[in-house]
């Protein structure tokens, strides 16, 4: 019985901490270029860039919902229709270029949002 009370209390404390959290997520670092241009390295880098883009989009969307600011910066979602699906070095480099172009536009917006809203308490 005593153990159940301790478990229940720890869960309630955890739930309270989650609910009372008033900060926004921090930004993760952009993936770095691979040292070699092997198919494996480029493919891994492409996947990491895709993950990073998804992270930026989720960060911006969730922060926008959290802060509910009518002056929240505008941003666009990545359009995957131009991506090439064949797994060749040329196609991977093409996709990487598209990802990098999107990151060049969206990352400064995310950094601005983080600077602007990370200290706010709701």
PDB file of N, CA and C in Angstrom:
ATOM      1  N   UNK A   1       0.826  -1.198   0.000  1.00  0.00           N
ATOM      2  CA  UNK A   1       0.000   0.000   0.000  1.00  0.00           C
ATOM      3  C   UNK A   1       0.867   1.258   0.000  1.00  0.00           C
ATOM      4  N   UNK A   2       1.924   1.248   0.797  1.00  0.00           N
ATOM      5  CA  UNK A   2       2.806   2.404   0.886  1.00  0.00           C
ATOM      6  C   UNK A   2       3.518   2.640  -0.450  1.00  0.00           C
ATOM      7  N   UNK A   3       3.919   1.561  -1.117  1.00  0.00           N
ATOM      8  CA  UNK A   3       4.583   1.680  -2.421  1.00  0.00           C
ATOM      9  C   UNK A   3       3.622   2.266  -3.451  1.00  0.00           C
ATOM     10  N   UNK A   4       2.362   1.841  -3.410  1.00  0.00           N
ATOM     11  CA  UNK A   4       1.368   2.376  -4.345  1.00  0.00           C
ATOM     12  C   UNK A   4       1.170   3.878  -4.140  1.00  0.00           C
ATOM     13  N   UNK A   5       1.186   4.318  -2.903  1.00  0.00           N
ATOM     14  CA  UNK A   5       1.046   5.751  -2.623  1.00  0.00           C
ATOM     15  C   UNK A   5       2.245   6.523  -3.154  1.00  0.00           C
ATOM     16  N   UNK A   6       3.427   5.955  -2.993  1.00  0.00           N
ATOM     17  CA  UNK A   6       4.637   6.611  -3.501  1.00  0.00           C
ATOM     18  C   UNK A   6       4.595   6.694  -5.024  1.00  0.00           C
ATOM     19  N   UNK A   7       4.181   5.601  -5.662  1.00  0.00           N
ATOM     20  CA  UNK A   7       4.075   5.595  -7.126  1.00  0.00           C
ATOM     21  C   UNK A   7       3.042   6.612  -7.589  1.00  0.00           C
ATOM     22  N   UNK A   8       1.887   6.628  -6.924  1.00  0.00           N
ATOM     23  CA  UNK A   8       0.843   7.586  -7.281  1.00  0.00           C
ATOM     24  C   UNK A   8       1.329   9.015  -7.086  1.00  0.00           C
ATOM     25  N   UNK A   9       2.005   9.272  -5.991  1.00  0.00           N
ATOM     26  CA  UNK A   9       2.526  10.611  -5.722  1.00  0.00           C
ATOM     27  C   UNK A   9       3.553  11.019  -6.774  1.00  0.00           C
ATOM     28  N   UNK A  10       4.443  10.102  -7.143  1.00  0.00           N
ATOM     29  CA  UNK A  10       5.451  10.441  -8.158  1.00  0.00           C
ATOM     30  C   UNK A  10       4.797  10.708  -9.512  1.00  0.00           C
ATOM     31  N   UNK A  11       3.754   9.959  -9.836  1.00  0.00           N
ATOM     32  CA  UNK A  11       3.038  10.206 -11.099  1.00  0.00           C
ATOM     33  C   UNK A  11       2.323  11.554 -11.077  1.00  0.00           C
ATOM     34  N   UNK A  12       1.735  11.885  -9.948  1.00  0.00           N
ATOM     35  CA  UNK A  12       1.061  13.180  -9.834  1.00  0.00           C
ATOM     36  C   UNK A  12       2.050  14.332  -9.947  1.00  0.00           C
ATOM     37  N   UNK A  13       3.202  14.179  -9.340  1.00  0.00           N
ATOM     38  CA  UNK A  13       4.234  15.220  -9.439  1.00  0.00           C
ATOM     39  C   UNK A  13       4.700  15.354 -10.883  1.00  0.00           C
ATOM     40  N   UNK A  14       4.917  14.226 -11.546  1.00  0.00           N
ATOM     41  CA  UNK A  14       5.331  14.261 -12.957  1.00  0.00           C
ATOM     42  C   UNK A  14       4.273  14.931 -13.816  1.00  0.00           C
ATOM     43  N   UNK A  15       3.012  14.571 -13.590  1.00  0.00           N
ATOM     44  CA  UNK A  15       1.921  15.173 -14.350  1.00  0.00           C
ATOM     45  C   UNK A  15       1.849  16.673 -14.095  1.00  0.00           C
ATOM     46  N   UNK A  16       2.001  17.080 -12.851  1.00  0.00           N
ATOM     47  CA  UNK A  16       1.987  18.499 -12.515  1.00  0.00           C
ATOM     48  C   UNK A  16       3.100  19.244 -13.242  1.00  0.00           C
ATOM     49  N   UNK A  17       4.292  18.660 -13.256  1.00  0.00           N
ATOM     50  CA  UNK A  17       5.419  19.303 -13.940  1.00  0.00           C
ATOM     51  C   UNK A  17       5.165  19.430 -15.436  1.00  0.00           C
ATOM     52  N   UNK A  18       4.583  18.408 -16.031  1.00  0.00           N
ATOM     53  CA  UNK A  18       4.287  18.456 -17.468  1.00  0.00           C
ATOM     54  C   UNK A  18       3.243  19.518 -17.762  1.00  0.00           C
ATOM     55  N   UNK A  19       2.184  19.547 -16.973  1.00  0.00           N
ATOM     56  CA  UNK A  19       1.098  20.504 -17.206  1.00  0.00           C
ATOM     57  C   UNK A  19       1.554  21.934 -16.949  1.00  0.00           C
ATOM     58  N   UNK A  20       2.383  22.128 -15.941  1.00  0.00           N
ATOM     59  CA  UNK A  20       2.777  23.491 -15.586  1.00  0.00           C
ATOM     60  C   UNK A  20       3.939  24.022 -16.410  1.00  0.00           C
ATOM     61  N   UNK A  21       4.464  23.232 -17.310  1.00  0.00           N
ATOM     62  CA  UNK A  21       5.580  23.683 -18.148  1.00  0.00           C
ATOM     63  C   UNK A  21       5.133  24.858 -19.010  1.00  0.00           C
ATOM     64  N   UNK A  22       5.864  25.950 -18.928  1.00  0.00           N
ATOM     65  CA  UNK A  22       5.465  27.146 -19.663  1.00  0.00           C
ATOM     66  C   UNK A  22       6.489  27.578 -20.697  1.00  0.00           C
ATOM     67  N   UNK A  23       7.519  26.821 -20.868  1.00  0.00           N
ATOM     68  CA  UNK A  23       8.523  27.194 -21.857  1.00  0.00           C
ATOM     69  C   UNK A  23       8.276  26.443 -23.153  1.00  0.00           C
ATOM     70  N   UNK A  24       8.912  26.913 -24.210  1.00  0.00           N
ATOM     71  CA  UNK A  24       8.811  26.222 -25.489  1.00  0.00           C
ATOM     72  C   UNK A  24      10.048  25.355 -25.664  1.00  0.00           C
ATOM     73  N   UNK A  25       9.968  24.445 -26.599  1.00  0.00           N
ATOM     74  CA  UNK A  25      11.089  23.539 -26.857  1.00  0.00           C
ATOM     75  C   UNK A  25      12.300  24.323 -27.342  1.00  0.00           C
ATOM     76  N   UNK A  26      13.462  23.773 -27.092  1.00  0.00           N
ATOM     77  CA  UNK A  26      14.675  24.416 -27.599  1.00  0.00           C
ATOM     78  C   UNK A  26      14.949  23.926 -29.016  1.00  0.00           C
ATOM     79  N   UNK A  27      15.792  24.648 -29.710  1.00  0.00           N
ATOM     80  CA  UNK A  27      16.134  24.282 -31.088  1.00  0.00           C
ATOM     81  C   UNK A  27      17.314  23.322 -31.102  1.00  0.00           C
ATOM     82  N   UNK A  28      17.239  22.338 -31.975  1.00  0.00           N
ATOM     83  CA  UNK A  28      18.363  21.417 -32.135  1.00  0.00           C
ATOM     84  C   UNK A  28      19.273  21.940 -33.238  1.00  0.00           C
ATOM     85  N   UNK A  29      20.482  21.424 -33.274  1.00  0.00           N
ATOM     86  CA  UNK A  29      21.453  21.863 -34.278  1.00  0.00           C
ATOM     87  C   UNK A  29      21.184  21.220 -35.630  1.00  0.00           C
ATOM     88  N   UNK A  30      21.497  21.972 -36.661  1.00  0.00           N
ATOM     89  CA  UNK A  30      21.371  21.472 -38.032  1.00  0.00           C
ATOM     90  C   UNK A  30      22.426  20.389 -38.271  1.00  0.00           C
ATOM     91  N   UNK A  31      22.083  19.332 -38.997  1.00  0.00           N
ATOM     92  CA  UNK A  31      23.075  18.287 -39.295  1.00  0.00           C
ATOM     93  C   UNK A  31      24.260  18.848 -40.080  1.00  0.00           C
ATOM     94  N   UNK A  32      25.413  18.254 -39.864  1.00  0.00           N
ATOM     95  CA  UNK A  32      26.623  18.708 -40.555  1.00  0.00           C
ATOM     96  C   UNK A  32      26.867  17.869 -41.803  1.00  0.00           C
ATOM     97  N   UNK A  33      27.548  18.482 -42.766  1.00  0.00           N
ATOM     98  CA  UNK A  33      27.874  17.799 -44.018  1.00  0.00           C
ATOM     99  C   UNK A  33      28.752  16.579 -43.753  1.00  0.00           C
ATOM    100  N   UNK A  34      28.550  15.504 -44.521  1.00  0.00           N
ATOM    101  CA  UNK A  34      29.421  14.336 -44.347  1.00  0.00           C
ATOM    102  C   UNK A  34      30.825  14.628 -44.863  1.00  0.00           C
ATOM    103  N   UNK A  35      31.787  13.894 -44.333  1.00  0.00           N
ATOM    104  CA  UNK A  35      33.181  14.086 -44.747  1.00  0.00           C
ATOM    105  C   UNK A  35      33.450  13.476 -46.122  1.00  0.00           C
ATOM    106  N   UNK A  36      32.734  12.414 -46.450  1.00  0.00           N
ATOM    107  CA  UNK A  36      32.908  11.768 -47.757  1.00  0.00           C
ATOM    108  C   UNK A  36      31.601  11.834 -48.532  1.00  0.00           C
ATOM    109  N   UNK A  37      31.689  11.578 -49.813  1.00  0.00           N
ATOM    110  CA  UNK A  37      30.491  11.615 -50.653  1.00  0.00           C
ATOM    111  C   UNK A  37      30.086  10.218 -51.108  1.00  0.00           C
ATOM    112  N   UNK A  38      30.172   9.267 -50.209  1.00  0.00           N
ATOM    113  CA  UNK A  38      29.711   7.921 -50.537  1.00  0.00           C
ATOM    114  C   UNK A  38      28.184   7.904 -50.521  1.00  0.00           C
ATOM    115  N   UNK A  39      27.615   6.937 -51.185  1.00  0.00           N
ATOM    116  CA  UNK A  39      26.159   6.822 -51.242  1.00  0.00           C
ATOM    117  C   UNK A  39      25.577   6.702 -49.832  1.00  0.00           C
ATOM    118  N   UNK A  40      26.235   5.934 -48.991  1.00  0.00           N
ATOM    119  CA  UNK A  40      25.755   5.746 -47.618  1.00  0.00           C
ATOM    120  C   UNK A  40      25.795   7.057 -46.838  1.00  0.00           C
ATOM    121  N   UNK A  41      26.912   7.775 -46.913  1.00  0.00           N
ATOM    122  CA  UNK A  41      27.052   9.038 -46.172  1.00  0.00           C
ATOM    123  C   UNK A  41      26.046  10.087 -46.659  1.00  0.00           C
ATOM    124  N   UNK A  42      25.903  10.201 -47.966  1.00  0.00           N
ATOM    125  CA  UNK A  42      24.977  11.193 -48.525  1.00  0.00           C
ATOM    126  C   UNK A  42      23.536  10.819 -48.186  1.00  0.00           C
ATOM    127  N   UNK A  43      23.232   9.538 -48.249  1.00  0.00           N
ATOM    128  CA  UNK A  43      21.890   9.068 -47.909  1.00  0.00           C
ATOM    129  C   UNK A  43      21.563   9.347 -46.442  1.00  0.00           C
ATOM    130  N   UNK A  44      22.520   9.104 -45.577  1.00  0.00           N
ATOM    131  CA  UNK A  44      22.332   9.385 -44.150  1.00  0.00           C
ATOM    132  C   UNK A  44      22.137  10.879 -43.914  1.00  0.00           C
ATOM    133  N   UNK A  45      22.924  11.688 -44.589  1.00  0.00           N
ATOM    134  CA  UNK A  45      22.807  13.146 -44.458  1.00  0.00           C
ATOM    135  C   UNK A  45      21.442  13.622 -44.949  1.00  0.00           C
ATOM    136  N   UNK A  46      20.981  13.075 -46.064  1.00  0.00           N
ATOM    137  CA  UNK A  46      19.661  13.441 -46.585  1.00  0.00           C
ATOM    138  C   UNK A  46      18.578  13.120 -45.553  1.00  0.00           C
ATOM    139  N   UNK A  47      18.664  11.950 -44.940  1.00  0.00           N
ATOM    140  CA  UNK A  47      17.680  11.556 -43.929  1.00  0.00           C
ATOM    141  C   UNK A  47      17.731  12.484 -42.718  1.00  0.00           C
ATOM    142  N   UNK A  48      18.929  12.861 -42.302  1.00  0.00           N
ATOM    143  CA  UNK A  48      19.069  13.773 -41.161  1.00  0.00           C
ATOM    144  C   UNK A  48      18.493  15.153 -41.481  1.00  0.00           C
ATOM    145  N   UNK A  49      18.703  15.623 -42.717  1.00  0.00           N
ATOM    146  CA  UNK A  49      18.119  16.911 -43.113  1.00  0.00           C
ATOM    147  C   UNK A  49      16.596  16.833 -43.129  1.00  0.00           C
ATOM    148  N   UNK A  50      16.058  15.728 -43.622  1.00  0.00           N
ATOM    149  CA  UNK A  50      14.601  15.549 -43.627  1.00  0.00           C
ATOM    150  C   UNK A  50      14.062  15.569 -42.197  1.00  0.00           C
ATOM    151  N   UNK A  51      14.744  14.887 -41.287  1.00  0.00           N
ATOM    152  CA  UNK A  51      14.341  14.909 -39.876  1.00  0.00           C
ATOM    153  C   UNK A  51      14.409  16.323 -39.307  1.00  0.00           C
ATOM    154  N   UNK A  52      15.452  17.047 -39.664  1.00  0.00           N
ATOM    155  CA  UNK A  52      15.625  18.414 -39.166  1.00  0.00           C
ATOM    156  C   UNK A  52      14.495  19.319 -39.670  1.00  0.00           C
ATOM    157  N   UNK A  53      14.127  19.151 -40.926  1.00  0.00           N
ATOM    158  CA  UNK A  53      13.021  19.935 -41.483  1.00  0.00           C
ATOM    159  C   UNK A  53      11.727  19.621 -40.745  1.00  0.00           C
ATOM    160  N   UNK A  54      11.482  18.348 -40.492  1.00  0.00           N
ATOM    161  CA  UNK A  54      10.280  17.974 -39.740  1.00  0.00           C
ATOM    162  C   UNK A  54      10.314  18.599 -38.345  1.00  0.00           C
ATOM    163  N   UNK A  55      11.482  18.596 -37.719  1.00  0.00           N
ATOM    164  CA  UNK A  55      11.616  19.196 -36.397  1.00  0.00           C
ATOM    165  C   UNK A  55      11.283  20.688 -36.449  1.00  0.00           C
ATOM    166  N   UNK A  56      11.835  21.404 -37.433  1.00  0.00           N
ATOM    167  CA  UNK A  56      11.560  22.840 -37.553  1.00  0.00           C
ATOM    168  C   UNK A  56      10.067  23.095 -37.729  1.00  0.00           C
ATOM    169  N   UNK A  57       9.427  22.310 -38.585  1.00  0.00           N
ATOM    170  CA  UNK A  57       7.997  22.500 -38.835  1.00  0.00           C
ATOM    171  C   UNK A  57       7.168  22.224 -37.583  1.00  0.00           C
ATOM    172  N   UNK A  58       7.486  21.149 -36.878  1.00  0.00           N
ATOM    173  CA  UNK A  58       6.762  20.825 -35.646  1.00  0.00           C
ATOM    174  C   UNK A  58       7.016  21.900 -34.591  1.00  0.00           C
ATOM    175  N   UNK A  59       8.262  22.334 -34.457  1.00  0.00           N
ATOM    176  CA  UNK A  59       8.599  23.392 -33.503  1.00  0.00           C
ATOM    177  C   UNK A  59       7.777  24.650 -33.782  1.00  0.00           C
ATOM    178  N   UNK A  60       7.765  25.083 -35.038  1.00  0.00           N
ATOM    179  CA  UNK A  60       7.046  26.310 -35.389  1.00  0.00           C
ATOM    180  C   UNK A  60       5.537  26.150 -35.196  1.00  0.00           C
ATOM    181  N   UNK A  61       5.000  25.014 -35.574  1.00  0.00           N
ATOM    182  CA  UNK A  61       3.560  24.784 -35.448  1.00  0.00           C
ATOM    183  C   UNK A  61       3.134  24.727 -33.988  1.00  0.00           C
ATOM    184  N   UNK A  62       3.860  23.981 -33.183  1.00  0.00           N
ATOM    185  CA  UNK A  62       3.495  23.862 -31.763  1.00  0.00           C
ATOM    186  C   UNK A  62       3.679  25.178 -31.020  1.00  0.00           C
ATOM    187  N   UNK A  63       4.734  25.892 -31.343  1.00  0.00           N
ATOM    188  CA  UNK A  63       4.955  27.180 -30.689  1.00  0.00           C
ATOM    189  C   UNK A  63       3.853  28.159 -31.075  1.00  0.00           C
ATOM    190  N   UNK A  64       3.470  28.141 -32.339  1.00  0.00           N
ATOM    191  CA  UNK A  64       2.394  29.024 -32.797  1.00  0.00           C
ATOM    192  C   UNK A  64       1.105  28.731 -32.032  1.00  0.00           C
ATOM    193  N   UNK A  65       0.792  27.468 -31.838  1.00  0.00           N
ATOM    194  CA  UNK A  65      -0.417  27.105 -31.092  1.00  0.00           C
ATOM    195  C   UNK A  65      -0.301  27.488 -29.627  1.00  0.00           C
ATOM    196  N   UNK A  66       0.895  27.370 -29.076  1.00  0.00           N
ATOM    197  CA  UNK A  66       1.094  27.663 -27.653  1.00  0.00           C
ATOM    198  C   UNK A  66       1.001  29.155 -27.351  1.00  0.00           C
ATOM    199  N   UNK A  67       1.650  29.985 -28.161  1.00  0.00           N
ATOM    200  CA  UNK A  67       1.707  31.412 -27.836  1.00  0.00           C
ATOM    201  C   UNK A  67       0.482  32.182 -28.311  1.00  0.00           C
ATOM    202  N   UNK A  68      -0.198  31.674 -29.319  1.00  0.00           N
ATOM    203  CA  UNK A  68      -1.431  32.305 -29.831  1.00  0.00           C
ATOM    204  C   UNK A  68      -1.251  33.797 -30.101  1.00  0.00           C
ATOM    205  N   UNK A  69      -0.160  34.144 -30.746  1.00  0.00           N
ATOM    206  CA  UNK A  69       0.147  35.538 -31.065  1.00  0.00           C
ATOM    207  C   UNK A  69      -0.300  35.831 -32.496  1.00  0.00           C
ATOM    208  N   UNK A  70      -1.165  36.842 -32.692  1.00  0.00           N
ATOM    209  CA  UNK A  70      -1.591  37.166 -34.057  1.00  0.00           C
ATOM    210  C   UNK A  70      -0.442  37.675 -34.932  1.00  0.00           C
ATOM    211  N   UNK A  71       0.640  38.118 -34.313  1.00  0.00           N
ATOM    212  CA  UNK A  71       1.803  38.604 -35.069  1.00  0.00           C
ATOM    213  C   UNK A  71       2.892  37.540 -35.207  1.00  0.00           C
ATOM    214  N   UNK A  72       2.532  36.296 -34.991  1.00  0.00           N
ATOM    215  CA  UNK A  72       3.496  35.200 -35.118  1.00  0.00           C
ATOM    216  C   UNK A  72       4.037  35.176 -36.547  1.00  0.00           C
ATOM    217  N   UNK A  73       5.333  34.994 -36.715  1.00  0.00           N
ATOM    218  CA  UNK A  73       5.918  35.029 -38.069  1.00  0.00           C
ATOM    219  C   UNK A  73       5.312  33.969 -38.991  1.00  0.00           C
ATOM    220  N   UNK A  74       5.156  34.342 -40.232  1.00  0.00           N
ATOM    221  CA  UNK A  74       4.643  33.412 -41.244  1.00  0.00           C
ATOM    222  C   UNK A  74       5.758  32.461 -41.659  1.00  0.00           C
ATOM    223  N   UNK A  75       5.391  31.220 -41.913  1.00  0.00           N
ATOM    224  CA  UNK A  75       6.338  30.233 -42.421  1.00  0.00           C
ATOM    225  C   UNK A  75       5.590  29.259 -43.318  1.00  0.00           C
ATOM    226  N   UNK A  76       6.315  28.643 -44.215  1.00  0.00           N
ATOM    227  CA  UNK A  76       5.719  27.678 -45.141  1.00  0.00           C
ATOM    228  C   UNK A  76       6.195  26.277 -44.784  1.00  0.00           C
ATOM    229  N   UNK A  77       5.345  25.309 -45.058  1.00  0.00           N
ATOM    230  CA  UNK A  77       5.744  23.917 -44.889  1.00  0.00           C
ATOM    231  C   UNK A  77       6.539  23.468 -46.107  1.00  0.00           C
ATOM    232  N   UNK A  78       7.439  22.533 -45.890  1.00  0.00           N
ATOM    233  CA  UNK A  78       8.246  21.998 -46.984  1.00  0.00           C
ATOM    234  C   UNK A  78       7.341  21.267 -47.971  1.00  0.00           C
ATOM    235  N   UNK A  79       7.585  21.500 -49.270  1.00  0.00           N
ATOM    236  CA  UNK A  79       6.812  20.846 -50.322  1.00  0.00           C
ATOM    237  C   UNK A  79       7.615  19.658 -50.860  1.00  0.00           C
ATOM    238  N   UNK A  80       7.219  18.438 -50.526  1.00  0.00           N
ATOM    239  CA  UNK A  80       8.011  17.270 -50.925  1.00  0.00           C
ATOM    240  C   UNK A  80       7.778  16.796 -52.360  1.00  0.00           C
ATOM    241  N   UNK A  81       6.908  17.455 -53.101  1.00  0.00           N
ATOM    242  CA  UNK A  81       6.575  16.960 -54.440  1.00  0.00           C
ATOM    243  C   UNK A  81       7.740  17.025 -55.416  1.00  0.00           C
ATOM    244  N   UNK A  82       8.706  17.891 -55.166  1.00  0.00           N
ATOM    245  CA  UNK A  82       9.850  18.012 -56.075  1.00  0.00           C
ATOM    246  C   UNK A  82      10.962  17.009 -55.778  1.00  0.00           C
ATOM    247  N   UNK A  83      10.877  16.318 -54.658  1.00  0.00           N
ATOM    248  CA  UNK A  83      11.933  15.378 -54.287  1.00  0.00           C
ATOM    249  C   UNK A  83      12.012  14.219 -55.278  1.00  0.00           C
ATOM    250  N   UNK A  84      13.231  13.777 -55.534  1.00  0.00           N
ATOM    251  CA  UNK A  84      13.454  12.636 -56.426  1.00  0.00           C
ATOM    252  C   UNK A  84      13.482  11.370 -55.576  1.00  0.00           C
ATOM    253  N   UNK A  85      12.867  10.310 -56.103  1.00  0.00           N
ATOM    254  CA  UNK A  85      12.756   9.099 -55.292  1.00  0.00           C
ATOM    255  C   UNK A  85      13.760   8.004 -55.637  1.00  0.00           C
ATOM    256  N   UNK A  86      14.448   8.109 -56.753  1.00  0.00           N
ATOM    257  CA  UNK A  86      15.480   7.121 -57.093  1.00  0.00           C
ATOM    258  C   UNK A  86      16.690   7.342 -56.192  1.00  0.00           C
ATOM    259  N   UNK A  87      17.285   6.242 -55.761  1.00  0.00           N
ATOM    260  CA  UNK A  87      18.378   6.314 -54.787  1.00  0.00           C
ATOM    261  C   UNK A  87      19.729   6.355 -55.501  1.00  0.00           C
ATOM    262  N   UNK A  88      20.026   7.512 -56.112  1.00  0.00           N
ATOM    263  CA  UNK A  88      21.329   7.707 -56.754  1.00  0.00           C
ATOM    264  C   UNK A  88      22.009   8.904 -56.105  1.00  0.00           C
ATOM    265  N   UNK A  89      23.310   9.002 -56.274  1.00  0.00           N
ATOM    266  CA  UNK A  89      24.054  10.120 -55.693  1.00  0.00           C
ATOM    267  C   UNK A  89      23.526  11.443 -56.236  1.00  0.00           C
ATOM    268  N   UNK A  90      23.256  11.504 -57.531  1.00  0.00           N
ATOM    269  CA  UNK A  90      22.760  12.749 -58.137  1.00  0.00           C
ATOM    270  C   UNK A  90      21.410  13.148 -57.552  1.00  0.00           C
ATOM    271  N   UNK A  91      20.508  12.183 -57.417  1.00  0.00           N
ATOM    272  CA  UNK A  91      19.192  12.489 -56.863  1.00  0.00           C
ATOM    273  C   UNK A  91      19.276  12.883 -55.389  1.00  0.00           C
ATOM    274  N   UNK A  92      20.136  12.217 -54.653  1.00  0.00           N
ATOM    275  CA  UNK A  92      20.309  12.578 -53.246  1.00  0.00           C
ATOM    276  C   UNK A  92      20.841  13.998 -53.114  1.00  0.00           C
ATOM    277  N   UNK A  93      21.799  14.355 -53.949  1.00  0.00           N
ATOM    278  CA  UNK A  93      22.336  15.724 -53.919  1.00  0.00           C
ATOM    279  C   UNK A  93      21.258  16.737 -54.292  1.00  0.00           C
ATOM    280  N   UNK A  94      20.406  16.383 -55.246  1.00  0.00           N
ATOM    281  CA  UNK A  94      19.295  17.258 -55.625  1.00  0.00           C
ATOM    282  C   UNK A  94      18.366  17.468 -54.428  1.00  0.00           C
ATOM    283  N   UNK A  95      17.995  16.373 -53.763  1.00  0.00           N
ATOM    284  CA  UNK A  95      17.115  16.464 -52.598  1.00  0.00           C
ATOM    285  C   UNK A  95      17.762  17.263 -51.465  1.00  0.00           C
ATOM    286  N   UNK A  96      19.042  17.030 -51.261  1.00  0.00           N
ATOM    287  CA  UNK A  96      19.770  17.767 -50.222  1.00  0.00           C
ATOM    288  C   UNK A  96      19.740  19.261 -50.509  1.00  0.00           C
ATOM    289  N   UNK A  97      19.899  19.636 -51.755  1.00  0.00           N
ATOM    290  CA  UNK A  97      19.846  21.061 -52.142  1.00  0.00           C
ATOM    291  C   UNK A  97      18.472  21.651 -51.816  1.00  0.00           C
ATOM    292  N   UNK A  98      17.403  20.899 -52.123  1.00  0.00           N
ATOM    293  CA  UNK A  98      16.054  21.376 -51.786  1.00  0.00           C
ATOM    294  C   UNK A  98      15.899  21.543 -50.271  1.00  0.00           C
ATOM    295  N   UNK A  99      16.387  20.566 -49.527  1.00  0.00           N
ATOM    296  CA  UNK A  99      16.312  20.647 -48.066  1.00  0.00           C
ATOM    297  C   UNK A  99      17.096  21.851 -47.546  1.00  0.00           C
ATOM    298  N   UNK A 100      18.298  22.042 -48.054  1.00  0.00           N
ATOM    299  CA  UNK A 100      19.133  23.158 -47.598  1.00  0.00           C
ATOM    300  C   UNK A 100      18.498  24.504 -47.934  1.00  0.00           C
ATOM    301  N   UNK A 101      17.879  24.607 -49.104  1.00  0.00           N
ATOM    302  CA  UNK A 101      17.196  25.853 -49.470  1.00  0.00           C
ATOM    303  C   UNK A 101      16.060  26.153 -48.493  1.00  0.00           C
ATOM    304  N   UNK A 102      15.281  25.123 -48.155  1.00  0.00           N
ATOM    305  CA  UNK A 102      14.187  25.306 -47.206  1.00  0.00           C
ATOM    306  C   UNK A 102      14.726  25.704 -45.829  1.00  0.00           C
ATOM    307  N   UNK A 103      15.785  25.039 -45.393  1.00  0.00           N
ATOM    308  CA  UNK A 103      16.378  25.333 -44.087  1.00  0.00           C
ATOM    309  C   UNK A 103      16.913  26.762 -44.050  1.00  0.00           C
ATOM    310  N   UNK A 104      17.510  27.219 -45.148  1.00  0.00           N
ATOM    311  CA  UNK A 104      18.032  28.586 -45.221  1.00  0.00           C
ATOM    312  C   UNK A 104      16.928  29.610 -44.968  1.00  0.00           C
ATOM    313  N   UNK A 105      15.720  29.311 -45.408  1.00  0.00           N
ATOM    314  CA  UNK A 105      14.589  30.227 -45.224  1.00  0.00           C
ATOM    315  C   UNK A 105      13.944  30.052 -43.846  1.00  0.00           C
ATOM    316  N   UNK A 106      13.775  28.812 -43.423  1.00  0.00           N
ATOM    317  CA  UNK A 106      12.973  28.518 -42.239  1.00  0.00           C
ATOM    318  C   UNK A 106      13.745  28.579 -40.928  1.00  0.00           C
ATOM    319  N   UNK A 107      15.003  28.220 -40.934  1.00  0.00           N
ATOM    320  CA  UNK A 107      15.793  28.211 -39.698  1.00  0.00           C
ATOM    321  C   UNK A 107      15.864  29.594 -39.042  1.00  0.00           C
ATOM    322  N   UNK A 108      16.102  30.681 -39.805  1.00  0.00           N
ATOM    323  CA  UNK A 108      16.102  32.006 -39.156  1.00  0.00           C
ATOM    324  C   UNK A 108      14.750  32.359 -38.527  1.00  0.00           C
ATOM    325  N   UNK A 109      13.662  31.902 -39.134  1.00  0.00           N
ATOM    326  CA  UNK A 109      12.335  32.142 -38.553  1.00  0.00           C
ATOM    327  C   UNK A 109      12.226  31.412 -37.218  1.00  0.00           C
ATOM    328  N   UNK A 110      12.662  30.153 -37.201  1.00  0.00           N
ATOM    329  CA  UNK A 110      12.608  29.365 -35.965  1.00  0.00           C
ATOM    330  C   UNK A 110      13.498  29.975 -34.887  1.00  0.00           C
ATOM    331  N   UNK A 111      14.670  30.449 -35.268  1.00  0.00           N
ATOM    332  CA  UNK A 111      15.564  31.081 -34.290  1.00  0.00           C
ATOM    333  C   UNK A 111      14.942  32.354 -33.728  1.00  0.00           C
ATOM    334  N   UNK A 112      14.297  33.138 -34.591  1.00  0.00           N
ATOM    335  CA  UNK A 112      13.623  34.354 -34.141  1.00  0.00           C
ATOM    336  C   UNK A 112      12.483  34.013 -33.187  1.00  0.00           C
ATOM    337  N   UNK A 113      11.702  33.002 -33.539  1.00  0.00           N
ATOM    338  CA  UNK A 113      10.600  32.566 -32.680  1.00  0.00           C
ATOM    339  C   UNK A 113      11.140  32.119 -31.330  1.00  0.00           C
ATOM    340  N   UNK A 114      12.215  31.360 -31.339  1.00  0.00           N
ATOM    341  CA  UNK A 114      12.795  30.889 -30.077  1.00  0.00           C
ATOM    342  C   UNK A 114      13.253  32.062 -29.213  1.00  0.00           C
ATOM    343  N   UNK A 115      13.963  33.008 -29.817  1.00  0.00           N
ATOM    344  CA  UNK A 115      14.426  34.179 -29.057  1.00  0.00           C
ATOM    345  C   UNK A 115      13.244  34.981 -28.513  1.00  0.00           C
ATOM    346  N   UNK A 116      12.226  35.120 -29.335  1.00  0.00           N
ATOM    347  CA  UNK A 116      11.093  35.953 -28.970  1.00  0.00           C
ATOM    348  C   UNK A 116      10.214  35.331 -27.883  1.00  0.00           C
ATOM    349  N   UNK A 117       9.985  34.032 -27.962  1.00  0.00           N
ATOM    350  CA  UNK A 117       8.984  33.409 -27.097  1.00  0.00           C
ATOM    351  C   UNK A 117       9.536  32.468 -26.033  1.00  0.00           C
ATOM    352  N   UNK A 118      10.818  32.202 -26.010  1.00  0.00           N
ATOM    353  CA  UNK A 118      11.333  31.217 -25.051  1.00  0.00           C
ATOM    354  C   UNK A 118      11.269  31.701 -23.610  1.00  0.00           C
ATOM    355  N   UNK A 119      11.204  32.975 -23.391  1.00  0.00           N
ATOM    356  CA  UNK A 119      11.168  33.511 -22.025  1.00  0.00           C
ATOM    357  C   UNK A 119       9.754  33.812 -21.544  1.00  0.00           C
ATOM    358  N   UNK A 120       8.766  33.666 -22.419  1.00  0.00           N
ATOM    359  CA  UNK A 120       7.397  34.009 -22.042  1.00  0.00           C
ATOM    360  C   UNK A 120       6.808  32.981 -21.098  1.00  0.00           C
ATOM    361  N   UNK A 121       5.969  33.433 -20.218  1.00  0.00           N
ATOM    362  CA  UNK A 121       5.215  32.556 -19.319  1.00  0.00           C
ATOM    363  C   UNK A 121       3.749  32.701 -19.682  1.00  0.00           C
ATOM    364  N   UNK A 122       3.086  31.575 -19.901  1.00  0.00           N
ATOM    365  CA  UNK A 122       1.645  31.612 -20.218  1.00  0.00           C
ATOM    366  C   UNK A 122       0.835  31.255 -19.002  1.00  0.00           C
TER     367      UNK A 122
END
